[in-house]
Amino acid sequence: MVALRIDLKSSAPVYRQIVDGLRILLVNGELAPGDQLPPVRRLALDLGVHFNTVAEAYRTLEEEGWLEIGRRSGARVIARGRPDRAGPETGENFQRRLQQMVAEVEAHGFARGRIARELRRLAESLERS
């Protein structure tokens, strides 16, 4: 499994960073249906966080339909269909989160030009796939 990175100085809760990092791997196909995730305690130890933090992240991804969690079998990636359409609140939430992210990186010293270049590069990679 690709290593996750946790920023303990981030304003985002650690469990949310784990969820977001794993979701990126899932959406990009780096974690596929049938793949087994590390046991909660193992990942917690690797990341240097409390095991309840990892357990909460796994439960969140289970609720989203990405994982199946068994008592003895651990967390396993399951096939998840894509929704047909996103509701208007999804688009509004997306725009708000982008604005928050841009404000956060700008507050940490990223120049607006660099932010714009990174967003364009991301948009181009989305259009190619």
C-alpha atoms as a PDB file:
ATOM      1  CA  MET A   1       0.000   0.000   0.000  1.00  0.00           C
ATOM      2  CA  VAL A   2       1.166   3.508  -0.783  1.00  0.00           C
ATOM      3  CA  ALA A   3       2.206   5.371   2.342  1.00  0.00           C
ATOM      4  CA  LEU A   4      -0.142   7.994   3.738  1.00  0.00           C
ATOM      5  CA  ARG A   5       1.185  11.281   4.997  1.00  0.00           C
ATOM      6  CA  ILE A   6      -0.245  12.941   8.059  1.00  0.00           C
ATOM      7  CA  ASP A   7       0.421  16.582   8.913  1.00  0.00           C
ATOM      8  CA  LEU A   8       0.000  16.987  12.655  1.00  0.00           C
ATOM      9  CA  LYS A   9       0.192  20.786  12.213  1.00  0.00           C
ATOM     10  CA  SER A  10      -2.743  20.815   9.791  1.00  0.00           C
ATOM     11  CA  SER A  11      -6.086  22.237  10.854  1.00  0.00           C
ATOM     12  CA  ALA A  12      -7.715  19.129   9.338  1.00  0.00           C
ATOM     13  CA  PRO A  13      -8.344  16.372  11.887  1.00  0.00           C
ATOM     14  CA  VAL A  14      -6.015  13.395  11.516  1.00  0.00           C
ATOM     15  CA  TYR A  15      -8.867  10.950  10.859  1.00  0.00           C
ATOM     16  CA  ARG A  16     -10.053  13.233   8.012  1.00  0.00           C
ATOM     17  CA  GLN A  17      -6.514  13.279   6.560  1.00  0.00           C
ATOM     18  CA  ILE A  18      -6.512   9.472   6.606  1.00  0.00           C
ATOM     19  CA  VAL A  19      -9.960   9.317   4.982  1.00  0.00           C
ATOM     20  CA  ASP A  20      -8.960  11.830   2.308  1.00  0.00           C
ATOM     21  CA  GLY A  21      -5.648  10.094   1.604  1.00  0.00           C
ATOM     22  CA  LEU A  22      -7.244   6.670   1.282  1.00  0.00           C
ATOM     23  CA  ARG A  23     -10.089   8.052  -0.838  1.00  0.00           C
ATOM     24  CA  ILE A  24      -7.545   9.461  -3.293  1.00  0.00           C
ATOM     25  CA  LEU A  25      -5.924   6.022  -3.554  1.00  0.00           C
ATOM     26  CA  LEU A  26      -9.342   4.414  -4.042  1.00  0.00           C
ATOM     27  CA  VAL A  27     -10.546   6.849  -6.698  1.00  0.00           C
ATOM     28  CA  ASN A  28      -7.236   6.616  -8.575  1.00  0.00           C
ATOM     29  CA  GLY A  29      -7.414   2.818  -8.569  1.00  0.00           C
ATOM     30  CA  GLU A  30      -4.273   2.396  -6.476  1.00  0.00           C
ATOM     31  CA  LEU A  31      -6.454   0.449  -4.061  1.00  0.00           C
ATOM     32  CA  ALA A  32      -8.766  -1.949  -5.892  1.00  0.00           C
ATOM     33  CA  PRO A  33     -11.690  -4.139  -4.863  1.00  0.00           C
ATOM     34  CA  GLY A  34     -10.375  -7.104  -2.917  1.00  0.00           C
ATOM     35  CA  ASP A  35      -7.335  -5.275  -1.564  1.00  0.00           C
ATOM     36  CA  GLN A  36      -6.837  -5.668   2.166  1.00  0.00           C
ATOM     37  CA  LEU A  37      -5.988  -2.546   4.179  1.00  0.00           C
ATOM     38  CA  PRO A  38      -3.502  -2.759   7.020  1.00  0.00           C
ATOM     39  CA  PRO A  39      -4.977  -3.665  10.397  1.00  0.00           C
ATOM     40  CA  VAL A  40      -6.077  -0.617  12.377  1.00  0.00           C
ATOM     41  CA  ARG A  41      -3.358  -0.978  15.013  1.00  0.00           C
ATOM     42  CA  ARG A  42      -0.626  -1.504  12.391  1.00  0.00           C
ATOM     43  CA  LEU A  43      -1.576   1.617  10.427  1.00  0.00           C
ATOM     44  CA  ALA A  44      -1.949   3.620  13.644  1.00  0.00           C
ATOM     45  CA  LEU A  45       1.539   2.573  14.705  1.00  0.00           C
ATOM     46  CA  ASP A  46       2.968   3.382  11.257  1.00  0.00           C
ATOM     47  CA  LEU A  47       1.350   6.842  11.281  1.00  0.00           C
ATOM     48  CA  GLY A  48       2.059   7.550  14.938  1.00  0.00           C
ATOM     49  CA  VAL A  49      -1.583   8.107  15.824  1.00  0.00           C
ATOM     50  CA  HIS A  50      -4.098   6.503  18.186  1.00  0.00           C
ATOM     51  CA  PHE A  51      -5.769   3.359  16.846  1.00  0.00           C
ATOM     52  CA  ASN A  52      -9.236   4.888  17.400  1.00  0.00           C
ATOM     53  CA  THR A  53      -8.309   7.585  14.876  1.00  0.00           C
ATOM     54  CA  VAL A  54      -7.630   4.975  12.181  1.00  0.00           C
ATOM     55  CA  ALA A  55     -10.731   3.005  13.191  1.00  0.00           C
ATOM     56  CA  GLU A  56     -12.864   6.138  12.753  1.00  0.00           C
ATOM     57  CA  ALA A  57     -11.365   6.730   9.295  1.00  0.00           C
ATOM     58  CA  TYR A  58     -12.080   3.135   8.267  1.00  0.00           C
ATOM     59  CA  ARG A  59     -15.679   3.409   9.549  1.00  0.00           C
ATOM     60  CA  THR A  60     -16.173   6.605   7.547  1.00  0.00           C
ATOM     61  CA  LEU A  61     -14.996   4.889   4.367  1.00  0.00           C
ATOM     62  CA  GLU A  62     -17.224   1.919   5.162  1.00  0.00           C
ATOM     63  CA  GLU A  63     -20.221   4.263   5.453  1.00  0.00           C
ATOM     64  CA  GLU A  64     -19.284   5.772   2.065  1.00  0.00           C
ATOM     65  CA  GLY A  65     -19.362   2.283   0.540  1.00  0.00           C
ATOM     66  CA  TRP A  66     -15.622   1.860  -0.080  1.00  0.00           C
ATOM     67  CA  LEU A  67     -14.777  -0.733   2.577  1.00  0.00           C
ATOM     68  CA  GLU A  68     -16.141  -3.841   4.202  1.00  0.00           C
ATOM     69  CA  ILE A  69     -14.979  -4.273   7.766  1.00  0.00           C
ATOM     70  CA  GLY A  70     -15.032  -7.691   9.407  1.00  0.00           C
ATOM     71  CA  ARG A  71     -14.179  -8.502  13.001  1.00  0.00           C
ATOM     72  CA  ARG A  72     -11.464 -10.967  12.113  1.00  0.00           C
ATOM     73  CA  SER A  73     -10.854 -10.182   8.467  1.00  0.00           C
ATOM     74  CA  GLY A  74     -10.122  -6.460   8.866  1.00  0.00           C
ATOM     75  CA  ALA A  75     -10.865  -3.809   6.251  1.00  0.00           C
ATOM     76  CA  ARG A  76     -11.167  -4.848   2.619  1.00  0.00           C
ATOM     77  CA  VAL A  77     -11.858  -2.653  -0.410  1.00  0.00           C
ATOM     78  CA  ILE A  78     -15.156  -3.464  -2.118  1.00  0.00           C
ATOM     79  CA  ALA A  79     -16.519  -2.589  -5.542  1.00  0.00           C
ATOM     80  CA  ARG A  80     -18.407   0.682  -5.446  1.00  0.00           C
ATOM     81  CA  GLY A  81     -20.500   2.024  -8.269  1.00  0.00           C
ATOM     82  CA  ARG A  82     -20.368   5.690  -9.106  1.00  0.00           C
ATOM     83  CA  PRO A  83     -23.528   7.681  -8.463  1.00  0.00           C
ATOM     84  CA  ASP A  84     -25.338   8.761 -11.634  1.00  0.00           C
ATOM     85  CA  ARG A  85     -25.463  12.435 -10.734  1.00  0.00           C
ATOM     86  CA  ALA A  86     -24.264  14.676  -7.972  1.00  0.00           C
ATOM     87  CA  GLY A  87     -26.847  16.900  -6.336  1.00  0.00           C
ATOM     88  CA  PRO A  88     -26.504  20.702  -6.295  1.00  0.00           C
ATOM     89  CA  GLU A  89     -25.237  20.620  -2.711  1.00  0.00           C
ATOM     90  CA  THR A  90     -22.274  18.530  -3.857  1.00  0.00           C
ATOM     91  CA  GLY A  91     -21.233  21.211  -6.340  1.00  0.00           C
ATOM     92  CA  GLU A  92     -21.645  23.960  -3.755  1.00  0.00           C
ATOM     93  CA  ASN A  93     -19.651  21.965  -1.211  1.00  0.00           C
ATOM     94  CA  PHE A  94     -16.926  21.317  -3.802  1.00  0.00           C
ATOM     95  CA  GLN A  95     -16.623  25.016  -4.628  1.00  0.00           C
ATOM     96  CA  ARG A  96     -16.527  25.979  -0.935  1.00  0.00           C
ATOM     97  CA  ARG A  97     -13.843  23.383  -0.168  1.00  0.00           C
ATOM     98  CA  LEU A  98     -11.726  24.546  -3.115  1.00  0.00           C
ATOM     99  CA  GLN A  99     -11.960  28.136  -1.891  1.00  0.00           C
ATOM    100  CA  GLN A 100     -10.992  27.060   1.629  1.00  0.00           C
ATOM    101  CA  MET A 101      -8.040  25.066   0.327  1.00  0.00           C
ATOM    102  CA  VAL A 102      -6.803  27.937  -1.844  1.00  0.00           C
ATOM    103  CA  ALA A 103      -7.086  30.339   1.100  1.00  0.00           C
ATOM    104  CA  GLU A 104      -5.208  27.909   3.342  1.00  0.00           C
ATOM    105  CA  VAL A 105      -2.256  27.381   0.991  1.00  0.00           C
ATOM    106  CA  GLU A 106      -2.123  31.101   0.197  1.00  0.00           C
ATOM    107  CA  ALA A 107      -2.007  31.807   3.948  1.00  0.00           C
ATOM    108  CA  HIS A 108       0.985  29.431   4.124  1.00  0.00           C
ATOM    109  CA  GLY A 109       2.878  31.394   1.501  1.00  0.00           C
ATOM    110  CA  PHE A 110       1.927  29.878  -1.858  1.00  0.00           C
ATOM    111  CA  ALA A 111       1.809  32.546  -4.529  1.00  0.00           C
ATOM    112  CA  ARG A 112      -1.482  32.900  -6.401  1.00  0.00           C
ATOM    113  CA  GLY A 113       0.283  32.179  -9.687  1.00  0.00           C
ATOM    114  CA  ARG A 114       1.586  28.871  -8.355  1.00  0.00           C
ATOM    115  CA  ILE A 115      -1.866  27.957  -7.048  1.00  0.00           C
ATOM    116  CA  ALA A 116      -3.379  28.728 -10.455  1.00  0.00           C
ATOM    117  CA  ARG A 117      -0.728  26.608 -12.234  1.00  0.00           C
ATOM    118  CA  GLU A 118      -1.360  23.655  -9.913  1.00  0.00           C
ATOM    119  CA  LEU A 119      -5.131  23.911 -10.417  1.00  0.00           C
ATOM    120  CA  ARG A 120      -4.679  24.064 -14.208  1.00  0.00           C
ATOM    121  CA  ARG A 121      -2.382  21.039 -14.134  1.00  0.00           C
ATOM    122  CA  LEU A 122      -4.920  19.119 -12.082  1.00  0.00           C
ATOM    123  CA  ALA A 123      -7.748  20.146 -14.422  1.00  0.00           C
ATOM    124  CA  GLU A 124      -5.737  18.990 -17.445  1.00  0.00           C
ATOM    125  CA  SER A 125      -5.032  15.597 -15.858  1.00  0.00           C
ATOM    126  CA  LEU A 126      -8.747  15.181 -15.081  1.00  0.00           C
ATOM    127  CA  GLU A 127      -9.694  15.973 -18.661  1.00  0.00           C
ATOM    128  CA  ARG A 128      -7.218  13.376 -19.980  1.00  0.00           C
ATOM    129  CA  SER A 129      -8.608  10.585 -17.829  1.00  0.00           C
END
